[in-house]
């Protein structure tokens, strides 16, 4: 973790997040897919930094197979140091964690998706979606709560805000991958992730549009917004257009989708098909690994009621980062 006290003009030396141990004397493995949040909402833990990861971990010294759990690390000193991770594993099932949020009471909440039986690298027939919470500033994680079975979908993008005058409303969006149902859905919770609504479809237009996972944000005015990459503008289903949608009624219905670029962009370019080599991916091309532009997109609500979306595409022949500010007319 790097820290800047000069508005990003310069940065500190990195602070290493400890990997911790699965069991005493049994070091845990590497981290993946980190997400960070700073508690700016509560009085009890205000300023505390939380980072979620997925992490390789051995179950025991006798069992040589690794599994993948999810972890929550915390800093109580503005990022000068971080705790050993608080870890959660569900047997030998490989898990993926989504982004954390913090309620006005200081409760940390984040989603967990099942992927595969890790030792056998066997994709699960019926993966599930869970949510877990920390009620004590990241020291412990609650036993996760089951939200959806048969969750053939991406890890949800989670946001929190005041919606319809209700504080701490959680909204999560995911792209479904089940056969004949390539659509985006959102769910919401008004009781801090104890229970959730039924899914509501976000993307308009033709059904079964293949989409990349949606990002989620909630404005100060209570507008719920989502942003994603969509293939609806390409008859061959390979090229993507960034799309945006929003709801003014708490997520029960969404306005017509808005394209953020005037045409679909194809990432299958000459530059992106040049191969590179690494220990884990010998001789693989960028396009083979990141057809949709990578795993990291962003949507944030701005203080003036607008939203900003950030993504990567190859409109100029190679992946670059782009952004767009979206203004919502509430009149």
C-alpha atoms as a PDB file:
ATOM      1  CA  UNK A   1       0.000   0.000   0.000  1.00  0.00           C
ATOM      2  CA  UNK A   2       1.291   3.440  -0.988  1.00  0.00           C
ATOM      3  CA  UNK A   3       0.238   6.694   0.655  1.00  0.00           C
ATOM      4  CA  UNK A   4       0.294  10.275  -0.627  1.00  0.00           C
ATOM      5  CA  UNK A   5      -0.086  13.354   1.541  1.00  0.00           C
ATOM      6  CA  UNK A   6       0.443  15.695  -1.426  1.00  0.00           C
ATOM      7  CA  UNK A   7      -2.647  15.022  -3.513  1.00  0.00           C
ATOM      8  CA  UNK A   8      -0.860  12.320  -5.510  1.00  0.00           C
ATOM      9  CA  UNK A   9       2.172  14.449  -6.487  1.00  0.00           C
ATOM     10  CA  UNK A  10       4.470  12.113  -4.570  1.00  0.00           C
ATOM     11  CA  UNK A  11       4.102   8.847  -2.725  1.00  0.00           C
ATOM     12  CA  UNK A  12       5.516   7.064   0.304  1.00  0.00           C
ATOM     13  CA  UNK A  13       7.517   3.890   0.287  1.00  0.00           C
ATOM     14  CA  UNK A  14       5.221   0.846   0.171  1.00  0.00           C
ATOM     15  CA  UNK A  15       3.793  -0.705   3.313  1.00  0.00           C
ATOM     16  CA  UNK A  16       3.553  -4.499   3.048  1.00  0.00           C
ATOM     17  CA  UNK A  17       0.350  -6.229   4.134  1.00  0.00           C
ATOM     18  CA  UNK A  18       1.332  -9.305   6.189  1.00  0.00           C
ATOM     19  CA  UNK A  19       0.228 -12.634   4.756  1.00  0.00           C
ATOM     20  CA  UNK A  20      -0.213 -14.248   8.156  1.00  0.00           C
ATOM     21  CA  UNK A  21      -0.439 -17.963   8.856  1.00  0.00           C
ATOM     22  CA  UNK A  22      -3.132 -20.523   8.110  1.00  0.00           C
ATOM     23  CA  UNK A  23      -2.038 -22.494  11.169  1.00  0.00           C
ATOM     24  CA  UNK A  24       0.836 -21.761  13.578  1.00  0.00           C
ATOM     25  CA  UNK A  25       4.031 -22.247  11.586  1.00  0.00           C
ATOM     26  CA  UNK A  26       2.122 -22.662   8.286  1.00  0.00           C
ATOM     27  CA  UNK A  27       2.473 -19.414   6.267  1.00  0.00           C
ATOM     28  CA  UNK A  28      -0.426 -18.434   4.038  1.00  0.00           C
ATOM     29  CA  UNK A  29       0.064 -17.780   0.324  1.00  0.00           C
ATOM     30  CA  UNK A  30      -0.228 -14.857  -2.052  1.00  0.00           C
ATOM     31  CA  UNK A  31      -3.040 -12.300  -2.275  1.00  0.00           C
ATOM     32  CA  UNK A  32      -5.197 -11.541  -5.319  1.00  0.00           C
ATOM     33  CA  UNK A  33      -7.872  -9.024  -6.349  1.00  0.00           C
ATOM     34  CA  UNK A  34      -7.397  -6.456  -3.551  1.00  0.00           C
ATOM     35  CA  UNK A  35     -10.083  -3.868  -2.768  1.00  0.00           C
ATOM     36  CA  UNK A  36      -9.728  -0.974  -0.312  1.00  0.00           C
ATOM     37  CA  UNK A  37     -12.174   1.160   1.677  1.00  0.00           C
ATOM     38  CA  UNK A  38     -11.639   3.852   4.311  1.00  0.00           C
ATOM     39  CA  UNK A  39     -14.214   4.251   7.071  1.00  0.00           C
ATOM     40  CA  UNK A  40     -15.432   7.826   6.575  1.00  0.00           C
ATOM     41  CA  UNK A  41     -18.923   7.167   7.931  1.00  0.00           C
ATOM     42  CA  UNK A  42     -18.730   5.984  11.526  1.00  0.00           C
ATOM     43  CA  UNK A  43     -17.571   7.665  14.720  1.00  0.00           C
ATOM     44  CA  UNK A  44     -16.276   4.486  16.335  1.00  0.00           C
ATOM     45  CA  UNK A  45     -13.761   3.444  13.650  1.00  0.00           C
ATOM     46  CA  UNK A  46     -13.478   6.560  11.505  1.00  0.00           C
ATOM     47  CA  UNK A  47     -10.235   6.656   9.511  1.00  0.00           C
ATOM     48  CA  UNK A  48      -9.639   2.914   9.718  1.00  0.00           C
ATOM     49  CA  UNK A  49      -8.510   1.376   6.408  1.00  0.00           C
ATOM     50  CA  UNK A  50      -9.779  -2.039   5.287  1.00  0.00           C
ATOM     51  CA  UNK A  51      -8.499  -4.215   2.439  1.00  0.00           C
ATOM     52  CA  UNK A  52     -10.179  -7.389   1.201  1.00  0.00           C
ATOM     53  CA  UNK A  53      -8.285 -10.058  -0.757  1.00  0.00           C
ATOM     54  CA  UNK A  54      -8.566 -13.626  -1.856  1.00  0.00           C
ATOM     55  CA  UNK A  55      -5.599 -15.655  -0.599  1.00  0.00           C
ATOM     56  CA  UNK A  56      -4.063 -19.047  -1.266  1.00  0.00           C
ATOM     57  CA  UNK A  57      -3.886 -21.064   1.937  1.00  0.00           C
ATOM     58  CA  UNK A  58      -2.994 -24.589   2.979  1.00  0.00           C
ATOM     59  CA  UNK A  59      -5.673 -26.264   5.097  1.00  0.00           C
ATOM     60  CA  UNK A  60      -3.159 -28.173   7.219  1.00  0.00           C
ATOM     61  CA  UNK A  61       0.486 -29.237   7.263  1.00  0.00           C
ATOM     62  CA  UNK A  62      -0.533 -32.767   6.278  1.00  0.00           C
ATOM     63  CA  UNK A  63      -2.796 -31.678   3.409  1.00  0.00           C
ATOM     64  CA  UNK A  64      -0.543 -30.448   0.591  1.00  0.00           C
ATOM     65  CA  UNK A  65      -3.487 -29.105  -1.433  1.00  0.00           C
ATOM     66  CA  UNK A  66      -4.158 -25.385  -1.243  1.00  0.00           C
ATOM     67  CA  UNK A  67      -7.509 -23.699  -1.180  1.00  0.00           C
ATOM     68  CA  UNK A  68      -8.469 -20.035  -1.614  1.00  0.00           C
ATOM     69  CA  UNK A  69     -10.072 -18.151   1.237  1.00  0.00           C
ATOM     70  CA  UNK A  70     -10.993 -14.484   1.618  1.00  0.00           C
ATOM     71  CA  UNK A  71      -9.273 -12.084   3.989  1.00  0.00           C
ATOM     72  CA  UNK A  72      -9.828  -8.709   5.632  1.00  0.00           C
ATOM     73  CA  UNK A  73      -6.781  -6.657   6.686  1.00  0.00           C
ATOM     74  CA  UNK A  74      -7.011  -3.394   8.633  1.00  0.00           C
ATOM     75  CA  UNK A  75      -4.913  -0.375   9.505  1.00  0.00           C
ATOM     76  CA  UNK A  76      -5.669   1.723  12.582  1.00  0.00           C
ATOM     77  CA  UNK A  77      -2.808   4.219  11.995  1.00  0.00           C
ATOM     78  CA  UNK A  78      -3.600   5.802   8.604  1.00  0.00           C
ATOM     79  CA  UNK A  79      -1.804   3.113   6.630  1.00  0.00           C
ATOM     80  CA  UNK A  80       1.510   3.105   8.513  1.00  0.00           C
ATOM     81  CA  UNK A  81       1.032  -0.623   9.149  1.00  0.00           C
ATOM     82  CA  UNK A  82      -1.552  -3.343   8.604  1.00  0.00           C
ATOM     83  CA  UNK A  83      -2.757  -6.233  10.726  1.00  0.00           C
ATOM     84  CA  UNK A  84      -2.405  -9.892   9.895  1.00  0.00           C
ATOM     85  CA  UNK A  85      -5.437 -10.834   7.816  1.00  0.00           C
ATOM     86  CA  UNK A  86      -8.674 -12.036   9.324  1.00  0.00           C
ATOM     87  CA  UNK A  87      -9.371 -15.095   7.187  1.00  0.00           C
ATOM     88  CA  UNK A  88     -12.536 -16.936   6.177  1.00  0.00           C
ATOM     89  CA  UNK A  89     -12.582 -20.279   4.335  1.00  0.00           C
ATOM     90  CA  UNK A  90     -15.467 -22.573   3.372  1.00  0.00           C
ATOM     91  CA  UNK A  91     -13.852 -26.009   3.250  1.00  0.00           C
ATOM     92  CA  UNK A  92     -11.674 -26.476   0.173  1.00  0.00           C
ATOM     93  CA  UNK A  93     -13.845 -24.287  -2.066  1.00  0.00           C
ATOM     94  CA  UNK A  94     -11.995 -21.519  -3.894  1.00  0.00           C
ATOM     95  CA  UNK A  95     -13.635 -18.178  -3.096  1.00  0.00           C
ATOM     96  CA  UNK A  96     -13.580 -14.687  -4.597  1.00  0.00           C
ATOM     97  CA  UNK A  97     -14.233 -11.515  -2.626  1.00  0.00           C
ATOM     98  CA  UNK A  98     -15.906  -8.321  -3.763  1.00  0.00           C
ATOM     99  CA  UNK A  99     -15.348  -4.756  -2.611  1.00  0.00           C
ATOM    100  CA  UNK A 100     -16.086  -3.852   1.030  1.00  0.00           C
ATOM    101  CA  UNK A 101     -18.329  -1.039   2.287  1.00  0.00           C
ATOM    102  CA  UNK A 102     -18.738   0.474   5.760  1.00  0.00           C
ATOM    103  CA  UNK A 103     -22.018   1.467   7.430  1.00  0.00           C
ATOM    104  CA  UNK A 104     -22.566   4.538   9.617  1.00  0.00           C
ATOM    105  CA  UNK A 105     -22.163   2.208  12.610  1.00  0.00           C
ATOM    106  CA  UNK A 106     -18.750   1.029  11.396  1.00  0.00           C
ATOM    107  CA  UNK A 107     -19.900  -2.425  10.193  1.00  0.00           C
ATOM    108  CA  UNK A 108     -17.704  -3.746   7.369  1.00  0.00           C
ATOM    109  CA  UNK A 109     -19.641  -5.724   4.740  1.00  0.00           C
ATOM    110  CA  UNK A 110     -18.474  -7.528   1.599  1.00  0.00           C
ATOM    111  CA  UNK A 111     -19.674 -10.294  -0.784  1.00  0.00           C
ATOM    112  CA  UNK A 112     -18.116 -13.726  -1.299  1.00  0.00           C
ATOM    113  CA  UNK A 113     -18.623 -15.884  -4.408  1.00  0.00           C
ATOM    114  CA  UNK A 114     -17.818 -19.562  -4.742  1.00  0.00           C
ATOM    115  CA  UNK A 115     -15.840 -20.622  -7.819  1.00  0.00           C
ATOM    116  CA  UNK A 116     -14.436 -24.145  -7.735  1.00  0.00           C
ATOM    117  CA  UNK A 117     -13.256 -27.083  -5.691  1.00  0.00           C
ATOM    118  CA  UNK A 118      -9.732 -25.774  -5.456  1.00  0.00           C
ATOM    119  CA  UNK A 119      -7.584 -28.895  -5.110  1.00  0.00           C
ATOM    120  CA  UNK A 120      -9.171 -30.477  -8.197  1.00  0.00           C
ATOM    121  CA  UNK A 121      -9.587 -27.196 -10.102  1.00  0.00           C
ATOM    122  CA  UNK A 122     -13.162 -28.325 -10.682  1.00  0.00           C
ATOM    123  CA  UNK A 123     -15.704 -25.577 -11.364  1.00  0.00           C
ATOM    124  CA  UNK A 124     -18.699 -26.000  -9.083  1.00  0.00           C
ATOM    125  CA  UNK A 125     -21.989 -27.078 -10.647  1.00  0.00           C
ATOM    126  CA  UNK A 126     -23.963 -24.941  -8.192  1.00  0.00           C
ATOM    127  CA  UNK A 127     -21.869 -22.038  -6.869  1.00  0.00           C
ATOM    128  CA  UNK A 128     -23.354 -19.806  -4.173  1.00  0.00           C
ATOM    129  CA  UNK A 129     -23.213 -16.141  -3.164  1.00  0.00           C
ATOM    130  CA  UNK A 130     -22.596 -15.162   0.461  1.00  0.00           C
ATOM    131  CA  UNK A 131     -22.134 -11.944   2.413  1.00  0.00           C
ATOM    132  CA  UNK A 132     -20.069 -11.562   5.549  1.00  0.00           C
ATOM    133  CA  UNK A 133     -19.639  -8.720   8.048  1.00  0.00           C
ATOM    134  CA  UNK A 134     -17.259  -7.504  10.729  1.00  0.00           C
ATOM    135  CA  UNK A 135     -18.932  -5.843  13.708  1.00  0.00           C
ATOM    136  CA  UNK A 136     -15.733  -5.009  15.597  1.00  0.00           C
ATOM    137  CA  UNK A 137     -13.518  -3.021  13.261  1.00  0.00           C
ATOM    138  CA  UNK A 138     -12.099  -5.930  11.282  1.00  0.00           C
ATOM    139  CA  UNK A 139     -10.962  -8.085  14.220  1.00  0.00           C
ATOM    140  CA  UNK A 140     -13.421 -10.873  13.375  1.00  0.00           C
ATOM    141  CA  UNK A 141     -15.707 -11.914  10.528  1.00  0.00           C
ATOM    142  CA  UNK A 142     -19.212 -13.202  11.057  1.00  0.00           C
ATOM    143  CA  UNK A 143     -20.271 -16.594   9.776  1.00  0.00           C
ATOM    144  CA  UNK A 144     -21.283 -15.740   6.187  1.00  0.00           C
ATOM    145  CA  UNK A 145     -24.975 -15.483   5.268  1.00  0.00           C
ATOM    146  CA  UNK A 146     -26.195 -17.312   2.161  1.00  0.00           C
ATOM    147  CA  UNK A 147     -27.833 -14.928  -0.328  1.00  0.00           C
ATOM    148  CA  UNK A 148     -28.193 -16.855  -3.603  1.00  0.00           C
ATOM    149  CA  UNK A 149     -27.824 -20.474  -4.673  1.00  0.00           C
ATOM    150  CA  UNK A 150     -27.012 -21.357  -8.292  1.00  0.00           C
ATOM    151  CA  UNK A 151     -25.060 -18.096  -8.549  1.00  0.00           C
ATOM    152  CA  UNK A 152     -23.695 -18.492 -12.065  1.00  0.00           C
ATOM    153  CA  UNK A 153     -22.655 -14.867 -12.018  1.00  0.00           C
ATOM    154  CA  UNK A 154     -19.815 -12.445 -11.436  1.00  0.00           C
ATOM    155  CA  UNK A 155     -18.738 -11.286  -8.008  1.00  0.00           C
ATOM    156  CA  UNK A 156     -21.110  -8.419  -7.130  1.00  0.00           C
ATOM    157  CA  UNK A 157     -20.075  -4.787  -7.074  1.00  0.00           C
ATOM    158  CA  UNK A 158     -21.340  -3.279  -3.821  1.00  0.00           C
ATOM    159  CA  UNK A 159     -22.303   0.288  -2.867  1.00  0.00           C
ATOM    160  CA  UNK A 160     -23.857   1.885   0.204  1.00  0.00           C
ATOM    161  CA  UNK A 161     -25.772   5.126   0.687  1.00  0.00           C
ATOM    162  CA  UNK A 162     -28.957   6.865   1.743  1.00  0.00           C
ATOM    163  CA  UNK A 163     -31.837   5.910  -0.564  1.00  0.00           C
ATOM    164  CA  UNK A 164     -35.408   7.166  -0.147  1.00  0.00           C
ATOM    165  CA  UNK A 165     -34.328   8.719   3.173  1.00  0.00           C
ATOM    166  CA  UNK A 166     -33.161   5.331   4.472  1.00  0.00           C
ATOM    167  CA  UNK A 167     -29.496   5.285   5.557  1.00  0.00           C
ATOM    168  CA  UNK A 168     -27.079   2.405   4.954  1.00  0.00           C
ATOM    169  CA  UNK A 169     -28.961   0.915   1.994  1.00  0.00           C
ATOM    170  CA  UNK A 170     -26.777  -1.666   0.244  1.00  0.00           C
ATOM    171  CA  UNK A 171     -27.004  -2.226  -3.519  1.00  0.00           C
ATOM    172  CA  UNK A 172     -25.132  -5.017  -5.310  1.00  0.00           C
ATOM    173  CA  UNK A 173     -24.987  -5.695  -9.064  1.00  0.00           C
ATOM    174  CA  UNK A 174     -23.754  -8.759 -10.931  1.00  0.00           C
ATOM    175  CA  UNK A 175     -23.602 -10.124 -14.471  1.00  0.00           C
ATOM    176  CA  UNK A 176     -25.383 -13.459 -14.806  1.00  0.00           C
ATOM    177  CA  UNK A 177     -23.718 -16.177 -16.911  1.00  0.00           C
ATOM    178  CA  UNK A 178     -26.353 -18.901 -16.739  1.00  0.00           C
ATOM    179  CA  UNK A 179     -27.322 -20.465 -20.046  1.00  0.00           C
ATOM    180  CA  UNK A 180     -29.688 -18.207 -22.023  1.00  0.00           C
ATOM    181  CA  UNK A 181     -29.476 -15.488 -19.358  1.00  0.00           C
ATOM    182  CA  UNK A 182     -26.550 -13.166 -20.021  1.00  0.00           C
ATOM    183  CA  UNK A 183     -27.996 -10.144 -18.247  1.00  0.00           C
ATOM    184  CA  UNK A 184     -27.234  -7.741 -15.410  1.00  0.00           C
ATOM    185  CA  UNK A 185     -29.147  -7.784 -12.136  1.00  0.00           C
ATOM    186  CA  UNK A 186     -29.190  -5.756  -8.950  1.00  0.00           C
ATOM    187  CA  UNK A 187     -30.285  -6.622  -5.433  1.00  0.00           C
ATOM    188  CA  UNK A 188     -30.599  -4.374  -2.390  1.00  0.00           C
ATOM    189  CA  UNK A 189     -30.664  -4.715   1.386  1.00  0.00           C
ATOM    190  CA  UNK A 190     -32.163  -2.278   3.885  1.00  0.00           C
ATOM    191  CA  UNK A 191     -31.013  -4.195   7.001  1.00  0.00           C
ATOM    192  CA  UNK A 192     -27.225  -4.240   6.631  1.00  0.00           C
ATOM    193  CA  UNK A 193     -26.958  -7.433   4.541  1.00  0.00           C
ATOM    194  CA  UNK A 194     -29.123  -9.637   6.765  1.00  0.00           C
ATOM    195  CA  UNK A 195     -31.629 -10.142   3.923  1.00  0.00           C
ATOM    196  CA  UNK A 196     -31.834  -9.076   0.271  1.00  0.00           C
ATOM    197  CA  UNK A 197     -34.446  -8.216  -2.336  1.00  0.00           C
ATOM    198  CA  UNK A 198     -35.235 -10.293  -5.403  1.00  0.00           C
ATOM    199  CA  UNK A 199     -32.999  -9.521  -8.428  1.00  0.00           C
ATOM    200  CA  UNK A 200     -34.042  -6.719 -10.809  1.00  0.00           C
ATOM    201  CA  UNK A 201     -32.756  -6.653 -14.389  1.00  0.00           C
ATOM    202  CA  UNK A 202     -30.617  -3.600 -15.192  1.00  0.00           C
ATOM    203  CA  UNK A 203     -29.776  -3.843 -18.902  1.00  0.00           C
ATOM    204  CA  UNK A 204     -32.489  -2.907 -21.388  1.00  0.00           C
ATOM    205  CA  UNK A 205     -32.587  -3.795 -25.066  1.00  0.00           C
ATOM    206  CA  UNK A 206     -32.127  -7.327 -26.388  1.00  0.00           C
ATOM    207  CA  UNK A 207     -32.168 -10.182 -23.932  1.00  0.00           C
ATOM    208  CA  UNK A 208     -29.164 -12.425 -23.422  1.00  0.00           C
ATOM    209  CA  UNK A 209     -26.625  -9.673 -24.046  1.00  0.00           C
ATOM    210  CA  UNK A 210     -23.201 -10.796 -22.874  1.00  0.00           C
ATOM    211  CA  UNK A 211     -21.977  -8.301 -20.340  1.00  0.00           C
ATOM    212  CA  UNK A 212     -18.950  -7.650 -18.178  1.00  0.00           C
ATOM    213  CA  UNK A 213     -19.667  -7.262 -14.458  1.00  0.00           C
ATOM    214  CA  UNK A 214     -21.349  -4.006 -13.484  1.00  0.00           C
ATOM    215  CA  UNK A 215     -19.896  -1.369 -11.192  1.00  0.00           C
ATOM    216  CA  UNK A 216     -22.225   0.285  -8.674  1.00  0.00           C
ATOM    217  CA  UNK A 217     -22.460   3.715  -7.020  1.00  0.00           C
ATOM    218  CA  UNK A 218     -25.045   5.724  -5.064  1.00  0.00           C
ATOM    219  CA  UNK A 219     -25.152   9.533  -5.211  1.00  0.00           C
ATOM    220  CA  UNK A 220     -25.853  11.933  -2.358  1.00  0.00           C
ATOM    221  CA  UNK A 221     -29.344  12.340  -3.849  1.00  0.00           C
ATOM    222  CA  UNK A 222     -30.032   8.597  -3.519  1.00  0.00           C
ATOM    223  CA  UNK A 223     -29.684   7.793  -7.226  1.00  0.00           C
ATOM    224  CA  UNK A 224     -28.439   4.223  -7.803  1.00  0.00           C
ATOM    225  CA  UNK A 225     -26.204   3.861 -10.850  1.00  0.00           C
ATOM    226  CA  UNK A 226     -24.406   1.049 -12.669  1.00  0.00           C
ATOM    227  CA  UNK A 227     -21.774   0.929 -15.408  1.00  0.00           C
ATOM    228  CA  UNK A 228     -20.635  -2.059 -17.478  1.00  0.00           C
ATOM    229  CA  UNK A 229     -19.249  -3.253 -20.838  1.00  0.00           C
ATOM    230  CA  UNK A 230     -21.884  -4.639 -23.223  1.00  0.00           C
ATOM    231  CA  UNK A 231     -21.823  -6.505 -26.589  1.00  0.00           C
ATOM    232  CA  UNK A 232     -25.298  -5.480 -27.797  1.00  0.00           C
ATOM    233  CA  UNK A 233     -23.861  -3.185 -30.514  1.00  0.00           C
ATOM    234  CA  UNK A 234     -21.771  -5.942 -32.144  1.00  0.00           C
ATOM    235  CA  UNK A 235     -23.617  -8.659 -34.133  1.00  0.00           C
ATOM    236  CA  UNK A 236     -20.718 -11.055 -33.487  1.00  0.00           C
ATOM    237  CA  UNK A 237     -20.755 -10.480 -29.734  1.00  0.00           C
ATOM    238  CA  UNK A 238     -17.010  -9.780 -29.443  1.00  0.00           C
ATOM    239  CA  UNK A 239     -16.799  -5.980 -29.266  1.00  0.00           C
ATOM    240  CA  UNK A 240     -17.867  -3.933 -26.270  1.00  0.00           C
ATOM    241  CA  UNK A 241     -19.559  -0.596 -25.610  1.00  0.00           C
ATOM    242  CA  UNK A 242     -19.555   0.992 -22.139  1.00  0.00           C
ATOM    243  CA  UNK A 243     -23.131   1.446 -20.892  1.00  0.00           C
ATOM    244  CA  UNK A 244     -24.686   3.250 -17.928  1.00  0.00           C
ATOM    245  CA  UNK A 245     -28.070   2.955 -16.206  1.00  0.00           C
ATOM    246  CA  UNK A 246     -29.631   4.498 -13.125  1.00  0.00           C
ATOM    247  CA  UNK A 247     -32.622   4.144 -10.832  1.00  0.00           C
ATOM    248  CA  UNK A 248     -34.428   6.937  -8.984  1.00  0.00           C
ATOM    249  CA  UNK A 249     -36.832   4.671  -7.097  1.00  0.00           C
ATOM    250  CA  UNK A 250     -34.486   2.662  -4.895  1.00  0.00           C
ATOM    251  CA  UNK A 251     -33.552  -0.005  -7.428  1.00  0.00           C
ATOM    252  CA  UNK A 252     -36.993  -1.409  -8.247  1.00  0.00           C
ATOM    253  CA  UNK A 253     -36.762  -0.165 -11.862  1.00  0.00           C
ATOM    254  CA  UNK A 254     -34.076   1.323 -14.125  1.00  0.00           C
ATOM    255  CA  UNK A 255     -34.139   4.042 -16.768  1.00  0.00           C
ATOM    256  CA  UNK A 256     -33.157   3.258 -20.381  1.00  0.00           C
ATOM    257  CA  UNK A 257     -29.475   2.393 -20.780  1.00  0.00           C
ATOM    258  CA  UNK A 258     -27.051   5.106 -21.945  1.00  0.00           C
ATOM    259  CA  UNK A 259     -23.996   4.302 -24.140  1.00  0.00           C
ATOM    260  CA  UNK A 260     -20.847   6.155 -23.002  1.00  0.00           C
ATOM    261  CA  UNK A 261     -19.089   5.780 -26.370  1.00  0.00           C
ATOM    262  CA  UNK A 262     -20.593   6.042 -29.853  1.00  0.00           C
ATOM    263  CA  UNK A 263     -19.612   2.547 -31.087  1.00  0.00           C
ATOM    264  CA  UNK A 264     -18.487  -0.870 -29.948  1.00  0.00           C
ATOM    265  CA  UNK A 265     -14.731  -1.251 -29.456  1.00  0.00           C
ATOM    266  CA  UNK A 266     -12.923  -4.448 -30.457  1.00  0.00           C
ATOM    267  CA  UNK A 267      -9.974  -5.436 -28.296  1.00  0.00           C
ATOM    268  CA  UNK A 268      -8.868  -8.174 -30.729  1.00  0.00           C
ATOM    269  CA  UNK A 269      -6.082  -6.005 -32.188  1.00  0.00           C
ATOM    270  CA  UNK A 270      -2.589  -6.718 -33.509  1.00  0.00           C
ATOM    271  CA  UNK A 271      -0.894  -5.170 -30.487  1.00  0.00           C
ATOM    272  CA  UNK A 272      -3.104  -7.033 -28.028  1.00  0.00           C
ATOM    273  CA  UNK A 273      -2.361 -10.359 -29.743  1.00  0.00           C
ATOM    274  CA  UNK A 274       1.388 -10.121 -29.211  1.00  0.00           C
ATOM    275  CA  UNK A 275       2.416 -12.769 -26.724  1.00  0.00           C
ATOM    276  CA  UNK A 276       4.194 -12.235 -23.446  1.00  0.00           C
ATOM    277  CA  UNK A 277       5.623 -14.739 -21.005  1.00  0.00           C
ATOM    278  CA  UNK A 278       5.289 -15.021 -17.260  1.00  0.00           C
ATOM    279  CA  UNK A 279       5.671 -17.823 -14.755  1.00  0.00           C
ATOM    280  CA  UNK A 280       1.929 -18.431 -14.611  1.00  0.00           C
ATOM    281  CA  UNK A 281       1.108 -17.650 -18.276  1.00  0.00           C
ATOM    282  CA  UNK A 282       3.916 -18.741 -20.641  1.00  0.00           C
ATOM    283  CA  UNK A 283       3.416 -17.468 -24.169  1.00  0.00           C
ATOM    284  CA  UNK A 284      -0.059 -15.956 -23.773  1.00  0.00           C
ATOM    285  CA  UNK A 285      -1.427 -12.900 -25.577  1.00  0.00           C
ATOM    286  CA  UNK A 286      -3.002  -9.940 -23.795  1.00  0.00           C
ATOM    287  CA  UNK A 287      -6.252 -10.470 -25.674  1.00  0.00           C
ATOM    288  CA  UNK A 288      -6.404 -14.143 -24.691  1.00  0.00           C
ATOM    289  CA  UNK A 289      -6.180 -13.223 -21.016  1.00  0.00           C
ATOM    290  CA  UNK A 290      -8.131  -9.928 -20.946  1.00  0.00           C
ATOM    291  CA  UNK A 291     -10.672  -9.964 -23.773  1.00  0.00           C
ATOM    292  CA  UNK A 292     -12.891  -7.429 -22.023  1.00  0.00           C
ATOM    293  CA  UNK A 293     -10.148  -5.056 -20.877  1.00  0.00           C
ATOM    294  CA  UNK A 294      -9.219  -6.524 -17.520  1.00  0.00           C
ATOM    295  CA  UNK A 295     -10.824  -7.045 -14.140  1.00  0.00           C
ATOM    296  CA  UNK A 296     -10.748  -3.470 -12.843  1.00  0.00           C
ATOM    297  CA  UNK A 297     -13.408  -0.903 -13.718  1.00  0.00           C
ATOM    298  CA  UNK A 298     -14.790   1.870 -11.554  1.00  0.00           C
ATOM    299  CA  UNK A 299     -17.915   3.973 -11.068  1.00  0.00           C
ATOM    300  CA  UNK A 300     -18.003   6.670  -8.403  1.00  0.00           C
ATOM    301  CA  UNK A 301     -20.563   9.252  -7.347  1.00  0.00           C
ATOM    302  CA  UNK A 302     -19.226  12.811  -7.350  1.00  0.00           C
ATOM    303  CA  UNK A 303     -20.190  15.394  -4.708  1.00  0.00           C
ATOM    304  CA  UNK A 304     -22.144  17.475  -7.257  1.00  0.00           C
ATOM    305  CA  UNK A 305     -24.543  14.627  -8.074  1.00  0.00           C
ATOM    306  CA  UNK A 306     -22.727  13.468 -11.208  1.00  0.00           C
ATOM    307  CA  UNK A 307     -20.997  10.110 -11.691  1.00  0.00           C
ATOM    308  CA  UNK A 308     -17.620   9.221 -13.201  1.00  0.00           C
ATOM    309  CA  UNK A 309     -16.912   5.915 -14.975  1.00  0.00           C
ATOM    310  CA  UNK A 310     -13.400   4.586 -15.655  1.00  0.00           C
ATOM    311  CA  UNK A 311     -12.532   1.648 -17.935  1.00  0.00           C
ATOM    312  CA  UNK A 312     -10.001   0.382 -20.490  1.00  0.00           C
ATOM    313  CA  UNK A 313     -10.535  -0.323 -24.194  1.00  0.00           C
ATOM    314  CA  UNK A 314      -8.518  -0.561 -27.431  1.00  0.00           C
ATOM    315  CA  UNK A 315     -10.122   2.008 -29.714  1.00  0.00           C
ATOM    316  CA  UNK A 316      -6.580   3.141 -30.687  1.00  0.00           C
ATOM    317  CA  UNK A 317      -5.235  -0.393 -31.114  1.00  0.00           C
ATOM    318  CA  UNK A 318      -3.963  -1.056 -27.608  1.00  0.00           C
ATOM    319  CA  UNK A 319      -5.493  -0.960 -24.132  1.00  0.00           C
ATOM    320  CA  UNK A 320      -5.691   2.529 -22.661  1.00  0.00           C
ATOM    321  CA  UNK A 321      -7.634   3.981 -19.725  1.00  0.00           C
ATOM    322  CA  UNK A 322     -10.660   6.194 -20.416  1.00  0.00           C
ATOM    323  CA  UNK A 323     -13.189   8.038 -18.278  1.00  0.00           C
ATOM    324  CA  UNK A 324     -16.523   9.776 -18.700  1.00  0.00           C
ATOM    325  CA  UNK A 325     -18.480  12.069 -16.386  1.00  0.00           C
ATOM    326  CA  UNK A 326     -22.230  11.400 -16.472  1.00  0.00           C
ATOM    327  CA  UNK A 327     -24.702  14.078 -15.416  1.00  0.00           C
ATOM    328  CA  UNK A 328     -28.110  12.975 -14.133  1.00  0.00           C
ATOM    329  CA  UNK A 329     -31.036  15.361 -14.682  1.00  0.00           C
ATOM    330  CA  UNK A 330     -33.295  14.922 -11.641  1.00  0.00           C
ATOM    331  CA  UNK A 331     -35.922  17.421 -12.776  1.00  0.00           C
END
